[in-house]
Amino acid sequence: MIGQLATETGWSIDYILDKVNVVTLQLMMADIPHWVPPQKPDLMQQIREMEEREKQRNSHTQTDKTNTTKGMNPMEFFTHYAIKD
């Protein structure tokens, strides 16, 4: 029981034995079968979220003409200024 709690919580065995009372340990053991780890997004979902954020970032029109390079591809940026000079 203590080993399982140490594995699940990351607490040391000494901490569990010395600092956590028995009632709390029993309640934790009763809850372990019902605990569901948070769902981590898969790689494709992360990519879709990043693409959506990029679309939102690029959808804002810039009214300030002095900052026309914001969000520009680095290659385009250097090509643009290399041609200007």
PDB file of N, CA and C in Angstrom:
ATOM      1  N   MET A   1       0.822  -1.179   0.000  1.00  0.00           N
ATOM      2  CA  MET A   1       0.000   0.000   0.000  1.00  0.00           C
ATOM      3  C   MET A   1       0.874   1.254   0.000  1.00  0.00           C
ATOM      4  N   ILE A   2       1.858   1.310   0.852  1.00  0.00           N
ATOM      5  CA  ILE A   2       2.714   2.491   0.949  1.00  0.00           C
ATOM      6  C   ILE A   2       3.546   2.647  -0.322  1.00  0.00           C
ATOM      7  N   GLY A   3       4.022   1.525  -0.844  1.00  0.00           N
ATOM      8  CA  GLY A   3       4.794   1.581  -2.087  1.00  0.00           C
ATOM      9  C   GLY A   3       3.963   2.099  -3.246  1.00  0.00           C
ATOM     10  N   GLN A   4       2.723   1.696  -3.322  1.00  0.00           N
ATOM     11  CA  GLN A   4       1.834   2.160  -4.385  1.00  0.00           C
ATOM     12  C   GLN A   4       1.579   3.661  -4.246  1.00  0.00           C
ATOM     13  N   LEU A   5       1.348   4.126  -3.022  1.00  0.00           N
ATOM     14  CA  LEU A   5       1.148   5.567  -2.806  1.00  0.00           C
ATOM     15  C   LEU A   5       2.407   6.358  -3.149  1.00  0.00           C
ATOM     16  N   ALA A   6       3.565   5.815  -2.778  1.00  0.00           N
ATOM     17  CA  ALA A   6       4.818   6.505  -3.101  1.00  0.00           C
ATOM     18  C   ALA A   6       4.992   6.608  -4.606  1.00  0.00           C
ATOM     19  N   THR A   7       4.633   5.552  -5.324  1.00  0.00           N
ATOM     20  CA  THR A   7       4.751   5.569  -6.783  1.00  0.00           C
ATOM     21  C   THR A   7       3.773   6.566  -7.397  1.00  0.00           C
ATOM     22  N   GLU A   8       2.546   6.565  -6.928  1.00  0.00           N
ATOM     23  CA  GLU A   8       1.513   7.427  -7.511  1.00  0.00           C
ATOM     24  C   GLU A   8       1.715   8.903  -7.182  1.00  0.00           C
ATOM     25  N   THR A   9       2.164   9.207  -5.960  1.00  0.00           N
ATOM     26  CA  THR A   9       2.268  10.604  -5.531  1.00  0.00           C
ATOM     27  C   THR A   9       3.659  11.188  -5.690  1.00  0.00           C
ATOM     28  N   GLY A  10       4.678  10.335  -5.743  1.00  0.00           N
ATOM     29  CA  GLY A  10       6.046  10.832  -5.800  1.00  0.00           C
ATOM     30  C   GLY A  10       6.615  11.168  -4.434  1.00  0.00           C
ATOM     31  N   TRP A  11       5.849  10.900  -3.378  1.00  0.00           N
ATOM     32  CA  TRP A  11       6.331  11.147  -2.021  1.00  0.00           C
ATOM     33  C   TRP A  11       7.296  10.044  -1.619  1.00  0.00           C
ATOM     34  N   SER A  12       8.233  10.370  -0.736  1.00  0.00           N
ATOM     35  CA  SER A  12       9.136   9.342  -0.223  1.00  0.00           C
ATOM     36  C   SER A  12       8.403   8.496   0.815  1.00  0.00           C
ATOM     37  N   ILE A  13       8.905   7.303   1.032  1.00  0.00           N
ATOM     38  CA  ILE A  13       8.292   6.407   2.013  1.00  0.00           C
ATOM     39  C   ILE A  13       8.403   7.003   3.416  1.00  0.00           C
ATOM     40  N   ASP A  14       9.544   7.646   3.704  1.00  0.00           N
ATOM     41  CA  ASP A  14       9.696   8.296   5.013  1.00  0.00           C
ATOM     42  C   ASP A  14       8.650   9.395   5.208  1.00  0.00           C
ATOM     43  N   TYR A  15       8.389  10.177   4.161  1.00  0.00           N
ATOM     44  CA  TYR A  15       7.384  11.235   4.272  1.00  0.00           C
ATOM     45  C   TYR A  15       6.005  10.632   4.545  1.00  0.00           C
ATOM     46  N   ILE A  16       5.670   9.564   3.825  1.00  0.00           N
ATOM     47  CA  ILE A  16       4.364   8.931   4.024  1.00  0.00           C
ATOM     48  C   ILE A  16       4.232   8.398   5.445  1.00  0.00           C
ATOM     49  N   LEU A  17       5.272   7.729   5.933  1.00  0.00           N
ATOM     50  CA  LEU A  17       5.194   7.135   7.270  1.00  0.00           C
ATOM     51  C   LEU A  17       5.212   8.170   8.385  1.00  0.00           C
ATOM     52  N   ASP A  18       5.955   9.266   8.201  1.00  0.00           N
ATOM     53  CA  ASP A  18       6.121  10.243   9.281  1.00  0.00           C
ATOM     54  C   ASP A  18       5.141  11.413   9.228  1.00  0.00           C
ATOM     55  N   LYS A  19       4.738  11.848   8.059  1.00  0.00           N
ATOM     56  CA  LYS A  19       3.993  13.106   7.942  1.00  0.00           C
ATOM     57  C   LYS A  19       2.512  12.946   7.598  1.00  0.00           C
ATOM     58  N   VAL A  20       2.102  11.822   7.045  1.00  0.00           N
ATOM     59  CA  VAL A  20       0.719  11.665   6.600  1.00  0.00           C
ATOM     60  C   VAL A  20       0.002  10.747   7.581  1.00  0.00           C
ATOM     61  N   ASN A  21      -1.181  11.178   8.034  1.00  0.00           N
ATOM     62  CA  ASN A  21      -1.885  10.344   9.019  1.00  0.00           C
ATOM     63  C   ASN A  21      -2.570   9.158   8.334  1.00  0.00           C
ATOM     64  N   VAL A  22      -2.908   8.166   9.122  1.00  0.00           N
ATOM     65  CA  VAL A  22      -3.433   6.898   8.626  1.00  0.00           C
ATOM     66  C   VAL A  22      -4.785   7.080   7.921  1.00  0.00           C
ATOM     67  N   VAL A  23      -5.627   7.939   8.441  1.00  0.00           N
ATOM     68  CA  VAL A  23      -6.945   8.150   7.840  1.00  0.00           C
ATOM     69  C   VAL A  23      -6.793   8.722   6.428  1.00  0.00           C
ATOM     70  N   THR A  24      -5.894   9.676   6.281  1.00  0.00           N
ATOM     71  CA  THR A  24      -5.655  10.248   4.962  1.00  0.00           C
ATOM     72  C   THR A  24      -5.136   9.189   4.000  1.00  0.00           C
ATOM     73  N   LEU A  25      -4.226   8.334   4.479  1.00  0.00           N
ATOM     74  CA  LEU A  25      -3.717   7.253   3.630  1.00  0.00           C
ATOM     75  C   LEU A  25      -4.833   6.305   3.206  1.00  0.00           C
ATOM     76  N   GLN A  26      -5.730   5.971   4.123  1.00  0.00           N
ATOM     77  CA  GLN A  26      -6.849   5.084   3.789  1.00  0.00           C
ATOM     78  C   GLN A  26      -7.779   5.732   2.763  1.00  0.00           C
ATOM     79  N   LEU A  27      -8.032   7.011   2.922  1.00  0.00           N
ATOM     80  CA  LEU A  27      -8.874   7.710   1.953  1.00  0.00           C
ATOM     81  C   LEU A  27      -8.205   7.777   0.583  1.00  0.00           C
ATOM     82  N   MET A  28      -6.898   7.997   0.594  1.00  0.00           N
ATOM     83  CA  MET A  28      -6.167   8.029  -0.677  1.00  0.00           C
ATOM     84  C   MET A  28      -6.206   6.672  -1.357  1.00  0.00           C
ATOM     85  N   MET A  29      -6.049   5.621  -0.584  1.00  0.00           N
ATOM     86  CA  MET A  29      -6.104   4.277  -1.159  1.00  0.00           C
ATOM     87  C   MET A  29      -7.506   3.973  -1.701  1.00  0.00           C
ATOM     88  N   ALA A  30      -8.527   4.475  -1.041  1.00  0.00           N
ATOM     89  CA  ALA A  30      -9.881   4.257  -1.536  1.00  0.00           C
ATOM     90  C   ALA A  30     -10.119   5.004  -2.846  1.00  0.00           C
ATOM     91  N   ASP A  31      -9.437   6.145  -3.047  1.00  0.00           N
ATOM     92  CA  ASP A  31      -9.630   6.954  -4.249  1.00  0.00           C
ATOM     93  C   ASP A  31      -8.757   6.518  -5.420  1.00  0.00           C
ATOM     94  N   ILE A  32      -7.708   5.785  -5.179  1.00  0.00           N
ATOM     95  CA  ILE A  32      -6.782   5.438  -6.263  1.00  0.00           C
ATOM     96  C   ILE A  32      -7.465   4.712  -7.421  1.00  0.00           C
ATOM     97  N   PRO A  33      -8.329   3.731  -7.196  1.00  0.00           N
ATOM     98  CA  PRO A  33      -8.948   3.077  -8.356  1.00  0.00           C
ATOM     99  C   PRO A  33      -9.831   4.016  -9.182  1.00  0.00           C
ATOM    100  N   HIS A  34     -10.299   5.112  -8.587  1.00  0.00           N
ATOM    101  CA  HIS A  34     -11.190   6.029  -9.282  1.00  0.00           C
ATOM    102  C   HIS A  34     -10.446   7.184  -9.931  1.00  0.00           C
ATOM    103  N   TRP A  35      -9.169   7.309  -9.679  1.00  0.00           N
ATOM    104  CA  TRP A  35      -8.402   8.434 -10.199  1.00  0.00           C
ATOM    105  C   TRP A  35      -8.069   8.196 -11.652  1.00  0.00           C
ATOM    106  N   VAL A  36      -8.353   9.177 -12.498  1.00  0.00           N
ATOM    107  CA  VAL A  36      -8.042   9.087 -13.917  1.00  0.00           C
ATOM    108  C   VAL A  36      -7.021  10.165 -14.225  1.00  0.00           C
ATOM    109  N   PRO A  37      -5.869   9.788 -14.761  1.00  0.00           N
ATOM    110  CA  PRO A  37      -4.869  10.803 -15.066  1.00  0.00           C
ATOM    111  C   PRO A  37      -5.383  11.756 -16.143  1.00  0.00           C
ATOM    112  N   PRO A  38      -4.939  13.012 -16.118  1.00  0.00           N
ATOM    113  CA  PRO A  38      -5.407  13.962 -17.123  1.00  0.00           C
ATOM    114  C   PRO A  38      -4.999  13.504 -18.521  1.00  0.00           C
ATOM    115  N   GLN A  39      -5.879  13.744 -19.465  1.00  0.00           N
ATOM    116  CA  GLN A  39      -5.633  13.320 -20.840  1.00  0.00           C
ATOM    117  C   GLN A  39      -4.654  14.285 -21.492  1.00  0.00           C
ATOM    118  N   LYS A  40      -3.537  13.776 -21.945  1.00  0.00           N
ATOM    119  CA  LYS A  40      -2.566  14.599 -22.645  1.00  0.00           C
ATOM    120  C   LYS A  40      -2.920  14.603 -24.129  1.00  0.00           C
ATOM    121  N   PRO A  41      -2.855  15.779 -24.758  1.00  0.00           N
ATOM    122  CA  PRO A  41      -3.177  15.821 -26.181  1.00  0.00           C
ATOM    123  C   PRO A  41      -2.129  15.059 -26.996  1.00  0.00           C
ATOM    124  N   ASP A  42      -2.602  14.368 -28.026  1.00  0.00           N
ATOM    125  CA  ASP A  42      -1.668  13.648 -28.881  1.00  0.00           C
ATOM    126  C   ASP A  42      -0.956  14.633 -29.806  1.00  0.00           C
ATOM    127  N   LEU A  43       0.000  14.144 -30.562  1.00  0.00           N
ATOM    128  CA  LEU A  43       0.838  15.000 -31.397  1.00  0.00           C
ATOM    129  C   LEU A  43       0.020  15.753 -32.434  1.00  0.00           C
ATOM    130  N   MET A  44      -0.924  15.087 -33.067  1.00  0.00           N
ATOM    131  CA  MET A  44      -1.735  15.742 -34.100  1.00  0.00           C
ATOM    132  C   MET A  44      -2.606  16.848 -33.501  1.00  0.00           C
ATOM    133  N   GLN A  45      -3.133  16.625 -32.304  1.00  0.00           N
ATOM    134  CA  GLN A  45      -3.938  17.648 -31.649  1.00  0.00           C
ATOM    135  C   GLN A  45      -3.073  18.851 -31.285  1.00  0.00           C
ATOM    136  N   GLN A  46      -1.846  18.617 -30.830  1.00  0.00           N
ATOM    137  CA  GLN A  46      -0.938  19.723 -30.515  1.00  0.00           C
ATOM    138  C   GLN A  46      -0.623  20.525 -31.771  1.00  0.00           C
ATOM    139  N   ILE A  47      -0.410  19.835 -32.891  1.00  0.00           N
ATOM    140  CA  ILE A  47      -0.111  20.525 -34.147  1.00  0.00           C
ATOM    141  C   ILE A  47      -1.300  21.373 -34.578  1.00  0.00           C
ATOM    142  N   ARG A  48      -2.525  20.814 -34.485  1.00  0.00           N
ATOM    143  CA  ARG A  48      -3.712  21.587 -34.850  1.00  0.00           C
ATOM    144  C   ARG A  48      -3.865  22.826 -33.972  1.00  0.00           C
ATOM    145  N   GLU A  49      -3.598  22.688 -32.664  1.00  0.00           N
ATOM    146  CA  GLU A  49      -3.698  23.841 -31.762  1.00  0.00           C
ATOM    147  C   GLU A  49      -2.664  24.899 -32.112  1.00  0.00           C
ATOM    148  N   MET A  50      -1.453  24.477 -32.450  1.00  0.00           N
ATOM    149  CA  MET A  50      -0.414  25.441 -32.831  1.00  0.00           C
ATOM    150  C   MET A  50      -0.784  26.146 -34.139  1.00  0.00           C
ATOM    151  N   GLU A  51      -1.326  25.400 -35.092  1.00  0.00           N
ATOM    152  CA  GLU A  51      -1.741  26.012 -36.354  1.00  0.00           C
ATOM    153  C   GLU A  51      -2.869  27.003 -36.128  1.00  0.00           C
ATOM    154  N   GLU A  52      -3.806  26.672 -35.244  1.00  0.00           N
ATOM    155  CA  GLU A  52      -4.910  27.580 -34.947  1.00  0.00           C
ATOM    156  C   GLU A  52      -4.403  28.866 -34.297  1.00  0.00           C
ATOM    157  N   ARG A  53      -3.461  28.737 -33.353  1.00  0.00           N
ATOM    158  CA  ARG A  53      -2.879  29.936 -32.736  1.00  0.00           C
ATOM    159  C   ARG A  53      -2.148  30.787 -33.762  1.00  0.00           C
ATOM    160  N   GLU A  54      -1.454  30.132 -34.690  1.00  0.00           N
ATOM    161  CA  GLU A  54      -0.734  30.864 -35.739  1.00  0.00           C
ATOM    162  C   GLU A  54      -1.720  31.598 -36.647  1.00  0.00           C
ATOM    163  N   LYS A  55      -2.837  30.960 -36.991  1.00  0.00           N
ATOM    164  CA  LYS A  55      -3.854  31.627 -37.810  1.00  0.00           C
ATOM    165  C   LYS A  55      -4.420  32.834 -37.088  1.00  0.00           C
ATOM    166  N   GLN A  56      -4.708  32.686 -35.791  1.00  0.00           N
ATOM    167  CA  GLN A  56      -5.251  33.802 -35.026  1.00  0.00           C
ATOM    168  C   GLN A  56      -4.246  34.942 -34.936  1.00  0.00           C
ATOM    169  N   ARG A  57      -2.986  34.589 -34.756  1.00  0.00           N
ATOM    170  CA  ARG A  57      -1.954  35.620 -34.661  1.00  0.00           C
ATOM    171  C   ARG A  57      -1.804  36.362 -35.979  1.00  0.00           C
ATOM    172  N   ASN A  58      -1.881  35.642 -37.100  1.00  0.00           N
ATOM    173  CA  ASN A  58      -1.700  36.260 -38.411  1.00  0.00           C
ATOM    174  C   ASN A  58      -2.967  36.932 -38.921  1.00  0.00           C
ATOM    175  N   SER A  59      -4.124  36.639 -38.332  1.00  0.00           N
ATOM    176  CA  SER A  59      -5.376  37.217 -38.815  1.00  0.00           C
ATOM    177  C   SER A  59      -5.543  38.672 -38.393  1.00  0.00           C
ATOM    178  N   HIS A  60      -4.823  39.087 -37.365  1.00  0.00           N
ATOM    179  CA  HIS A  60      -4.926  40.478 -36.920  1.00  0.00           C
ATOM    180  C   HIS A  60      -4.218  41.374 -37.943  1.00  0.00           C
ATOM    181  N   THR A  61      -4.953  42.344 -38.491  1.00  0.00           N
ATOM    182  CA  THR A  61      -4.351  43.265 -39.451  1.00  0.00           C
ATOM    183  C   THR A  61      -3.569  44.326 -38.702  1.00  0.00           C
ATOM    184  N   GLN A  62      -2.476  44.705 -39.293  1.00  0.00           N
ATOM    185  CA  GLN A  62      -1.630  45.707 -38.658  1.00  0.00           C
ATOM    186  C   GLN A  62      -1.950  47.074 -39.245  1.00  0.00           C
ATOM    187  N   THR A  63      -2.267  48.008 -38.391  1.00  0.00           N
ATOM    188  CA  THR A  63      -2.564  49.357 -38.846  1.00  0.00           C
ATOM    189  C   THR A  63      -1.307  50.220 -38.847  1.00  0.00           C
ATOM    190  N   ASP A  64      -0.341  49.840 -38.061  1.00  0.00           N
ATOM    191  CA  ASP A  64       0.899  50.596 -37.962  1.00  0.00           C
ATOM    192  C   ASP A  64       1.840  50.140 -39.065  1.00  0.00           C
ATOM    193  N   LYS A  65       2.140  51.024 -40.013  1.00  0.00           N
ATOM    194  CA  LYS A  65       2.994  50.656 -41.146  1.00  0.00           C
ATOM    195  C   LYS A  65       4.467  50.549 -40.758  1.00  0.00           C
ATOM    196  N   THR A  66       4.854  51.053 -39.604  1.00  0.00           N
ATOM    197  CA  THR A  66       6.254  50.981 -39.201  1.00  0.00           C
ATOM    198  C   THR A  66       6.637  49.574 -38.762  1.00  0.00           C
ATOM    199  N   ASN A  67       5.673  48.760 -38.417  1.00  0.00           N
ATOM    200  CA  ASN A  67       5.962  47.403 -37.939  1.00  0.00           C
ATOM    201  C   ASN A  67       5.358  46.382 -38.905  1.00  0.00           C
ATOM    202  N   THR A  68       5.730  46.469 -40.185  1.00  0.00           N
ATOM    203  CA  THR A  68       5.167  45.569 -41.185  1.00  0.00           C
ATOM    204  C   THR A  68       5.875  44.232 -41.202  1.00  0.00           C
ATOM    205  N   THR A  69       6.950  44.076 -40.434  1.00  0.00           N
ATOM    206  CA  THR A  69       7.705  42.823 -40.449  1.00  0.00           C
ATOM    207  C   THR A  69       7.256  41.858 -39.368  1.00  0.00           C
ATOM    208  N   LYS A  70       6.264  42.218 -38.575  1.00  0.00           N
ATOM    209  CA  LYS A  70       5.835  41.336 -37.494  1.00  0.00           C
ATOM    210  C   LYS A  70       5.215  40.067 -38.073  1.00  0.00           C
ATOM    211  N   GLY A  71       5.683  38.925 -37.632  1.00  0.00           N
ATOM    212  CA  GLY A  71       5.157  37.654 -38.099  1.00  0.00           C
ATOM    213  C   GLY A  71       5.682  37.243 -39.459  1.00  0.00           C
ATOM    214  N   MET A  72       6.683  37.962 -39.959  1.00  0.00           N
ATOM    215  CA  MET A  72       7.226  37.652 -41.272  1.00  0.00           C
ATOM    216  C   MET A  72       8.186  36.469 -41.172  1.00  0.00           C
ATOM    217  N   ASN A  73       8.201  35.660 -42.195  1.00  0.00           N
ATOM    218  CA  ASN A  73       9.139  34.557 -42.296  1.00  0.00           C
ATOM    219  C   ASN A  73      10.564  35.130 -42.272  1.00  0.00           C
ATOM    220  N   PRO A  74      11.493  34.556 -41.513  1.00  0.00           N
ATOM    221  CA  PRO A  74      12.853  35.102 -41.438  1.00  0.00           C
ATOM    222  C   PRO A  74      13.534  35.210 -42.806  1.00  0.00           C
ATOM    223  N   MET A  75      13.304  34.226 -43.697  1.00  0.00           N
ATOM    224  CA  MET A  75      13.908  34.291 -45.022  1.00  0.00           C
ATOM    225  C   MET A  75      13.365  35.469 -45.806  1.00  0.00           C
ATOM    226  N   GLU A  76      12.058  35.691 -45.722  1.00  0.00           N
ATOM    227  CA  GLU A  76      11.457  36.835 -46.406  1.00  0.00           C
ATOM    228  C   GLU A  76      11.989  38.142 -45.838  1.00  0.00           C
ATOM    229  N   PHE A  77      12.145  38.200 -44.525  1.00  0.00           N
ATOM    230  CA  PHE A  77      12.646  39.404 -43.868  1.00  0.00           C
ATOM    231  C   PHE A  77      14.025  39.778 -44.400  1.00  0.00           C
ATOM    232  N   PHE A  78      14.946  38.817 -44.390  1.00  0.00           N
ATOM    233  CA  PHE A  78      16.311  39.118 -44.827  1.00  0.00           C
ATOM    234  C   PHE A  78      16.383  39.348 -46.328  1.00  0.00           C
ATOM    235  N   THR A  79      15.559  38.632 -47.090  1.00  0.00           N
ATOM    236  CA  THR A  79      15.526  38.861 -48.537  1.00  0.00           C
ATOM    237  C   THR A  79      15.004  40.261 -48.828  1.00  0.00           C
ATOM    238  N   HIS A  80      13.951  40.662 -48.120  1.00  0.00           N
ATOM    239  CA  HIS A  80      13.370  41.989 -48.321  1.00  0.00           C
ATOM    240  C   HIS A  80      14.383  43.092 -48.042  1.00  0.00           C
ATOM    241  N   TYR A  81      15.106  42.983 -46.930  1.00  0.00           N
ATOM    242  CA  TYR A  81      16.064  44.034 -46.586  1.00  0.00           C
ATOM    243  C   TYR A  81      17.354  43.917 -47.365  1.00  0.00           C
ATOM    244  N   ALA A  82      17.704  42.745 -47.845  1.00  0.00           N
ATOM    245  CA  ALA A  82      18.888  42.616 -48.687  1.00  0.00           C
ATOM    246  C   ALA A  82      18.647  43.280 -50.032  1.00  0.00           C
ATOM    247  N   ILE A  83      17.431  43.171 -50.557  1.00  0.00           N
ATOM    248  CA  ILE A  83      17.095  43.792 -51.835  1.00  0.00           C
ATOM    249  C   ILE A  83      17.000  45.304 -51.667  1.00  0.00           C
ATOM    250  N   LYS A  84      16.484  45.770 -50.535  1.00  0.00           N
ATOM    251  CA  LYS A  84      16.356  47.203 -50.276  1.00  0.00           C
ATOM    252  C   LYS A  84      17.712  47.896 -50.244  1.00  0.00           C
ATOM    253  N   ASP A  85      18.678  47.230 -49.607  1.00  0.00           N
ATOM    254  CA  ASP A  85      19.987  47.856 -49.449  1.00  0.00           C
ATOM    255  C   ASP A  85      20.734  47.719 -50.726  1.00  0.00           C
TER     256      ASP A  85
END
